[in-house]
Amino acid sequence: MSTTDCNWFELSEKIKATWSRLTESDIEAMQWNLDLVVNKLKKHYGYTREQAQRELQYFKVTLSDELRAKVIQHSVFQYKDDPPEYSLI
């Protein structure tokens, strides 16, 4: 298992532990793009967009430096031409 695979496994386990209502397919569809969590939290928890964004921001703060760097790397890569309206971290 590569370092990236190990990191993804660790991150997906943290996501499952934090938001148990998310399905395996919800989590696998993210593939490092945690910004997709916002819509999943709205769907599964009934959060408003603002609530979901706050939850995601708090979650990102709790990540290890290594995982947070991976999340940023993947988010920046995916949004380099069209950044989201809210901050990534």
Protein backbone atom coordinates (compact mmCIF):
# COMPACT_ATOMS: atom_id res chain seq x y z
CA MET A 1 0.00 0.00 0.00
CA SER A 2 1.48 3.37 -1.01
CA THR A 3 1.81 6.34 1.33
CA THR A 4 -1.04 8.08 -0.48
CA ASP A 5 -3.24 4.99 -0.06
CA CYS A 6 -2.36 4.82 3.65
CA ASN A 7 -3.13 8.51 4.05
CA TRP A 8 -6.45 8.14 2.22
CA PHE A 9 -7.36 5.15 4.42
CA GLU A 10 -6.56 7.19 7.54
CA LEU A 11 -8.57 10.16 6.28
CA SER A 12 -11.55 8.02 5.27
CA GLU A 13 -11.57 6.38 8.71
CA LYS A 14 -11.62 9.83 10.35
CA ILE A 15 -14.50 10.86 8.08
CA LYS A 16 -16.44 7.70 9.02
CA ALA A 17 -15.80 8.28 12.73
CA THR A 18 -16.90 11.92 12.50
CA TRP A 19 -19.91 11.54 10.21
CA SER A 20 -21.26 8.01 10.57
CA ARG A 21 -24.26 8.69 8.35
CA LEU A 22 -22.05 9.05 5.28
CA THR A 23 -21.97 5.90 3.19
CA GLU A 24 -18.91 4.12 1.85
CA SER A 25 -19.83 5.30 -1.65
CA ASP A 26 -20.15 8.92 -0.39
CA ILE A 27 -16.66 8.74 1.06
CA GLU A 28 -15.08 6.94 -1.90
CA ALA A 29 -16.55 9.51 -4.31
CA MET A 30 -14.64 12.28 -2.50
CA GLN A 31 -11.15 10.96 -3.21
CA TRP A 32 -9.42 13.72 -1.21
CA ASN A 33 -11.87 16.43 -2.30
CA LEU A 34 -13.31 17.21 1.12
CA ASP A 35 -15.27 20.13 -0.29
CA LEU A 36 -17.75 17.51 -1.49
CA VAL A 37 -18.53 16.78 2.17
CA VAL A 38 -20.65 19.94 2.37
CA ASN A 39 -23.34 18.56 0.06
CA LYS A 40 -23.23 15.16 1.74
CA LEU A 41 -23.68 16.74 5.19
CA LYS A 42 -26.63 18.74 3.90
CA LYS A 43 -28.19 15.56 2.51
CA HIS A 44 -27.52 13.14 5.38
CA TYR A 45 -27.71 15.51 8.36
CA GLY A 46 -30.07 18.23 7.16
CA TYR A 47 -27.46 20.94 7.73
CA THR A 48 -27.62 24.31 6.05
CA ARG A 49 -24.69 25.10 3.74
CA GLU A 50 -23.20 27.34 6.44
CA GLN A 51 -23.48 24.63 9.11
CA ALA A 52 -21.89 22.07 6.82
CA GLN A 53 -19.04 24.43 5.94
CA ARG A 54 -18.37 25.10 9.63
CA GLU A 55 -18.34 21.35 10.34
CA LEU A 56 -15.89 20.80 7.50
CA GLN A 57 -13.64 23.65 8.62
CA TYR A 58 -13.53 22.24 12.15
CA PHE A 59 -12.79 18.76 10.80
CA LYS A 60 -9.88 20.07 8.72
CA VAL A 61 -8.37 21.76 11.78
CA THR A 62 -8.36 18.42 13.63
CA LEU A 63 -6.31 16.66 10.93
CA SER A 64 -2.62 15.95 11.32
CA ASP A 65 -0.29 18.27 9.43
CA GLU A 66 0.47 15.52 6.92
CA LEU A 67 -3.20 14.80 6.16
CA ARG A 68 -4.07 18.49 6.04
CA ALA A 69 -1.26 19.05 3.51
CA LYS A 70 -2.61 16.21 1.34
CA VAL A 71 -6.13 17.65 1.49
CA ILE A 72 -4.84 21.09 0.49
CA GLN A 73 -2.72 19.62 -2.30
CA HIS A 74 -5.65 17.76 -3.79
CA SER A 75 -8.14 20.59 -3.29
CA VAL A 76 -5.83 23.13 -4.91
CA PHE A 77 -5.22 20.78 -7.82
CA GLN A 78 -8.91 20.25 -8.41
CA TYR A 79 -9.81 23.93 -8.07
CA LYS A 80 -6.80 25.63 -9.63
CA ASP A 81 -8.95 27.15 -12.40
CA ASP A 82 -12.22 27.55 -10.50
CA PRO A 83 -11.65 28.00 -6.75
CA PRO A 84 -14.55 27.55 -4.32
CA GLU A 85 -16.16 30.63 -2.81
CA TYR A 86 -15.01 29.74 0.72
CA SER A 87 -11.53 29.05 2.05
CA LEU A 88 -10.13 25.53 1.95
CA ILE A 89 -8.51 25.67 5.41
